[in-house]
Amino acid sequence: VVGGSATTSSFGVPNGQLKANVGTAGLPVDFAAVKADLTAKSVYWAGLAANGAVDRSASNHLTLTGTDAGLNVFELSGDLFDVATGFTLSAPAGSTVLVNVRGDKGGFGNFAMSLTGGVTAADVLFNFPEADRLYIQGFDFQGSILAPGAGLNFTNGQINGTTVVASVAAGASGEFHVPGFRGELPNPPGGDTPPSPVPAPPAAVLGLLGLAGFGLWRRMR
């Protein structure tokens, strides 16, 4: 659901539909409030102490290893992905994985990502609290993305999870897949303030995937 306009070409929504220019009365939620809530959570989660190990091999293969049965937190610079040749994330089945990626940009292209140890894409959240731009090219992204201030350039590949960004420019061969994020993360002190029922202006919609962002907000309450 897009409050404003959406320009699409060779675009499909299997078992669903894309609605644009629905106007404020047609929006299912106050997306300005959702954006404010998720932005606050992004900042808060970025401050959680890392308890997972990050290893970078001589050939620039990144390996993230977590052993906690509940929550595994990693922190690394977005620049590492610019030179990565491979990416492995290992954590126990049923645990939640939070990957805090620092810096104003993040890029994922032309290398493989794998999950081991039992964790699934539905349990993984990549948090970009400072990013204003992201790109994904030729990459099978295993996890959800929270980057409320970033524009996403998604030329081709797959995102297997919820995507929350400020805007999306997607190529014809880029695919968004659901399951959404099902992990468990702590709320900031003071808890949530539920979104107002008053519709938001169109500019407040979180890119093309505002409704997916709402799903993440509901899961994080």
Protein backbone atom coordinates (compact mmCIF):
# COMPACT_ATOMS: atom_id res chain seq x y z
CA VAL A 1 0.00 0.00 0.00
CA VAL A 2 1.52 3.32 -1.10
CA GLY A 3 -0.02 6.59 0.01
CA GLY A 4 1.67 8.45 -2.84
CA SER A 5 2.75 7.35 -6.29
CA ALA A 6 4.64 4.21 -7.32
CA THR A 7 6.40 3.72 -10.66
CA THR A 8 6.70 0.04 -11.61
CA SER A 9 7.72 -1.99 -14.64
CA SER A 10 7.83 -5.80 -14.94
CA PHE A 11 6.61 -5.90 -11.37
CA GLY A 12 4.50 -8.63 -9.79
CA VAL A 13 2.93 -9.37 -6.40
CA PRO A 14 2.19 -13.11 -6.30
CA ASN A 15 -1.06 -13.80 -4.43
CA GLY A 16 -1.49 -10.08 -3.75
CA GLN A 17 -1.62 -6.64 -5.30
CA LEU A 18 0.07 -3.25 -5.14
CA LYS A 19 -2.14 -0.24 -4.42
CA ALA A 20 -0.82 3.28 -4.95
CA ASN A 21 -2.33 6.76 -4.55
CA VAL A 22 -4.78 5.47 -1.99
CA GLY A 23 -4.80 8.80 -0.14
CA THR A 24 -4.49 9.27 3.58
CA ALA A 25 -7.88 7.73 4.29
CA GLY A 26 -6.84 4.54 2.52
CA LEU A 27 -3.69 3.93 4.56
CA PRO A 28 -4.02 1.07 7.06
CA VAL A 29 -1.92 2.75 9.77
CA ASP A 30 -0.20 5.99 10.70
CA PHE A 31 3.13 5.29 9.04
CA ALA A 32 4.73 8.42 10.49
CA ALA A 33 4.20 6.96 13.97
CA VAL A 34 5.46 3.55 12.84
CA LYS A 35 8.57 5.15 11.36
CA ALA A 36 9.25 7.11 14.55
CA ASP A 37 8.80 3.95 16.63
CA LEU A 38 11.08 1.79 14.47
CA THR A 39 13.69 4.55 14.24
CA ALA A 40 13.81 4.74 18.04
CA LYS A 41 14.11 0.96 18.23
CA SER A 42 16.88 0.95 15.64
CA VAL A 43 18.91 3.38 17.73
CA TYR A 44 18.21 1.46 20.95
CA TRP A 45 19.09 -1.94 19.48
CA ALA A 46 22.30 -0.49 18.06
CA GLY A 47 23.39 0.16 21.66
CA LEU A 48 22.98 -3.44 22.81
CA ALA A 49 26.26 -5.08 23.80
CA ALA A 50 27.66 -7.51 21.25
CA ASN A 51 28.06 -11.08 22.48
CA GLY A 52 28.87 -12.78 19.19
CA ALA A 53 32.22 -13.26 17.46
CA VAL A 54 33.12 -11.71 14.11
CA ASP A 55 35.94 -13.26 12.09
CA ARG A 56 37.42 -12.00 8.83
CA SER A 57 39.63 -14.44 6.97
CA ALA A 58 42.63 -13.55 4.84
CA SER A 59 40.40 -13.97 1.78
CA ASN A 60 37.76 -11.60 3.28
CA HIS A 61 35.21 -14.27 4.12
CA LEU A 62 33.15 -13.00 7.05
CA THR A 63 32.01 -15.48 9.71
CA LEU A 64 29.66 -14.44 12.53
CA THR A 65 29.30 -16.98 15.32
CA GLY A 66 26.81 -16.79 18.17
CA THR A 67 26.24 -19.39 20.87
CA ASP A 68 23.50 -17.82 23.01
CA ALA A 69 20.21 -19.74 23.02
CA GLY A 70 18.24 -16.47 23.29
CA LEU A 71 19.82 -13.41 21.67
CA ASN A 72 23.03 -13.13 19.65
CA VAL A 73 24.20 -9.59 18.92
CA PHE A 74 26.94 -8.68 16.44
CA GLU A 75 28.46 -5.33 15.53
CA LEU A 76 30.54 -4.59 12.45
CA SER A 77 31.31 -1.85 9.96
CA GLY A 78 29.38 -1.69 6.72
CA ASP A 79 32.71 -1.26 4.89
CA LEU A 80 33.48 -4.93 5.53
CA PHE A 81 30.77 -5.98 3.11
CA ASP A 82 32.34 -3.91 0.32
CA VAL A 83 35.26 -6.34 0.17
CA ALA A 84 33.58 -9.53 1.40
CA THR A 85 33.98 -12.68 -0.67
CA GLY A 86 31.54 -14.74 1.41
CA PHE A 87 29.41 -14.48 4.53
CA THR A 88 28.50 -17.20 7.05
CA LEU A 89 26.26 -16.62 10.06
CA SER A 90 25.98 -19.33 12.71
CA ALA A 91 23.62 -19.34 15.71
CA PRO A 92 21.47 -21.89 17.56
CA ALA A 93 18.03 -22.87 16.34
CA GLY A 94 15.31 -20.76 17.92
CA SER A 95 17.64 -17.91 18.86
CA THR A 96 17.33 -14.33 17.63
CA VAL A 97 20.21 -12.74 15.72
CA LEU A 98 20.75 -8.97 15.63
CA VAL A 99 23.49 -7.67 13.33
CA ASN A 100 24.21 -3.99 13.93
CA VAL A 101 25.93 -2.56 10.85
CA ARG A 102 27.67 0.77 11.43
CA GLY A 103 28.29 3.54 8.93
CA ASP A 104 26.32 5.61 6.46
CA LYS A 105 26.13 2.90 3.79
CA GLY A 106 25.95 -0.82 3.29
CA GLY A 107 26.42 -2.93 0.19
CA PHE A 108 25.82 -6.59 -0.56
CA GLY A 109 26.78 -7.87 -3.96
CA ASN A 110 28.05 -10.90 -5.79
CA PHE A 111 28.97 -13.06 -2.82
CA ALA A 112 27.08 -15.82 -1.05
CA MET A 113 25.48 -15.78 2.40
CA SER A 114 24.78 -18.96 4.36
CA LEU A 115 23.10 -19.71 7.69
CA THR A 116 24.31 -22.56 9.90
CA GLY A 117 23.70 -23.87 13.41
CA GLY A 118 19.92 -24.02 13.05
CA VAL A 119 19.06 -20.31 12.83
CA THR A 120 16.73 -19.30 10.00
CA ALA A 121 16.26 -16.11 7.99
CA ALA A 122 13.09 -15.36 9.97
CA ASP A 123 15.20 -15.05 13.14
CA VAL A 124 17.78 -12.60 11.73
CA LEU A 125 17.60 -8.79 11.68
CA PHE A 126 20.21 -6.53 10.10
CA ASN A 127 19.99 -3.10 11.72
CA PHE A 128 21.45 -0.05 9.95
CA PRO A 129 20.87 2.82 12.41
CA GLU A 130 23.11 5.34 10.59
CA ALA A 131 22.78 4.36 6.94
CA ASP A 132 21.36 6.71 4.33
CA ARG A 133 21.96 4.33 1.40
CA LEU A 134 22.05 0.60 0.82
CA TYR A 135 22.52 -1.51 -2.27
CA ILE A 136 21.87 -5.16 -3.01
CA GLN A 137 23.09 -6.67 -6.26
CA GLY A 138 23.22 -10.37 -7.09
CA PHE A 139 22.77 -11.30 -3.45
CA ASP A 140 20.47 -13.73 -1.63
CA PHE A 141 19.80 -11.80 1.59
CA GLN A 142 18.90 -14.15 4.47
CA GLY A 143 17.18 -11.98 7.05
CA SER A 144 15.21 -8.80 7.59
CA ILE A 145 16.47 -5.25 7.08
CA LEU A 146 15.80 -2.27 9.34
CA ALA A 147 17.21 0.92 7.85
CA PRO A 148 14.56 3.60 8.38
CA GLY A 149 16.74 6.42 7.05
CA ALA A 150 18.16 4.69 3.98
CA GLY A 151 17.30 4.56 0.31
CA LEU A 152 17.66 1.02 -1.02
CA ASN A 153 18.98 0.38 -4.53
CA PHE A 154 17.99 -3.23 -5.21
CA THR A 155 19.03 -4.22 -8.71
CA ASN A 156 18.70 -8.00 -8.49
CA GLY A 157 18.69 -10.83 -6.00
CA GLN A 158 16.40 -11.81 -3.14
CA ILE A 159 15.51 -10.47 0.29
CA ASN A 160 14.09 -13.21 2.48
CA GLY A 161 12.51 -11.21 5.27
CA THR A 162 10.88 -7.92 6.16
CA THR A 163 12.35 -4.76 4.62
CA VAL A 164 11.99 -1.35 6.29
CA VAL A 165 13.68 1.51 4.42
CA ALA A 166 12.94 5.12 3.49
CA SER A 167 12.66 4.37 -0.23
CA VAL A 168 13.23 1.58 -2.75
CA ALA A 169 14.54 1.56 -6.31
CA ALA A 170 14.25 -2.06 -7.44
CA GLY A 171 15.29 -3.71 -10.68
CA ALA A 172 13.19 -6.16 -12.65
CA SER A 173 14.93 -9.19 -11.14
CA GLY A 174 14.83 -8.15 -7.48
CA GLU A 175 12.52 -10.26 -5.31
CA PHE A 176 11.09 -9.59 -1.84
CA HIS A 177 10.15 -12.78 -0.03
CA VAL A 178 8.19 -13.28 3.16
CA PRO A 179 8.53 -14.85 5.95
CA GLY A 180 8.71 -11.75 8.05
CA PHE A 181 10.86 -11.31 11.11
CA ARG A 182 9.77 -13.48 14.05
CA GLY A 183 12.67 -12.93 16.46
CA GLU A 184 12.38 -11.47 19.96
CA LEU A 185 14.15 -8.18 20.76
CA PRO A 186 13.83 -5.96 23.84
CA ASN A 187 11.81 -2.78 23.75
CA PRO A 188 13.46 0.51 24.71
CA PRO A 189 12.89 1.62 28.31
CA GLY A 190 9.40 3.03 28.68
CA GLY A 191 7.87 0.59 26.22
CA ASP A 192 5.92 1.40 23.08
CA THR A 193 3.63 4.20 22.14
CA PRO A 194 1.17 2.60 19.69
CA PRO A 195 0.67 4.47 16.41
CA SER A 196 -2.06 7.05 16.32
CA PRO A 197 -5.16 6.01 14.34
CA VAL A 198 -4.94 9.32 12.47
CA PRO A 199 -3.66 8.57 8.92
CA ALA A 200 -0.19 9.82 8.04
CA PRO A 201 0.63 11.99 5.03
CA PRO A 202 1.80 10.06 1.96
CA ALA A 203 5.43 11.13 2.45
CA ALA A 204 5.55 9.27 5.75
CA VAL A 205 5.07 5.85 4.14
CA LEU A 206 8.22 3.74 4.49
CA GLY A 207 8.96 3.36 0.81
CA LEU A 208 7.08 0.79 -1.25
CA LEU A 209 7.15 -1.65 1.65
CA GLY A 210 5.29 0.37 4.25
CA LEU A 211 2.92 -2.47 5.04
CA ALA A 212 5.84 -4.86 5.54
CA GLY A 213 7.30 -2.30 7.91
CA PHE A 214 4.04 -2.29 9.82
CA GLY A 215 4.34 -6.05 10.17
CA LEU A 216 7.76 -5.65 11.76
CA TRP A 217 6.40 -2.96 14.09
CA ARG A 218 3.62 -5.26 15.22
CA ARG A 219 6.11 -8.08 15.83
CA MET A 220 8.36 -5.83 17.91
CA ARG A 221 5.67 -4.48 20.21
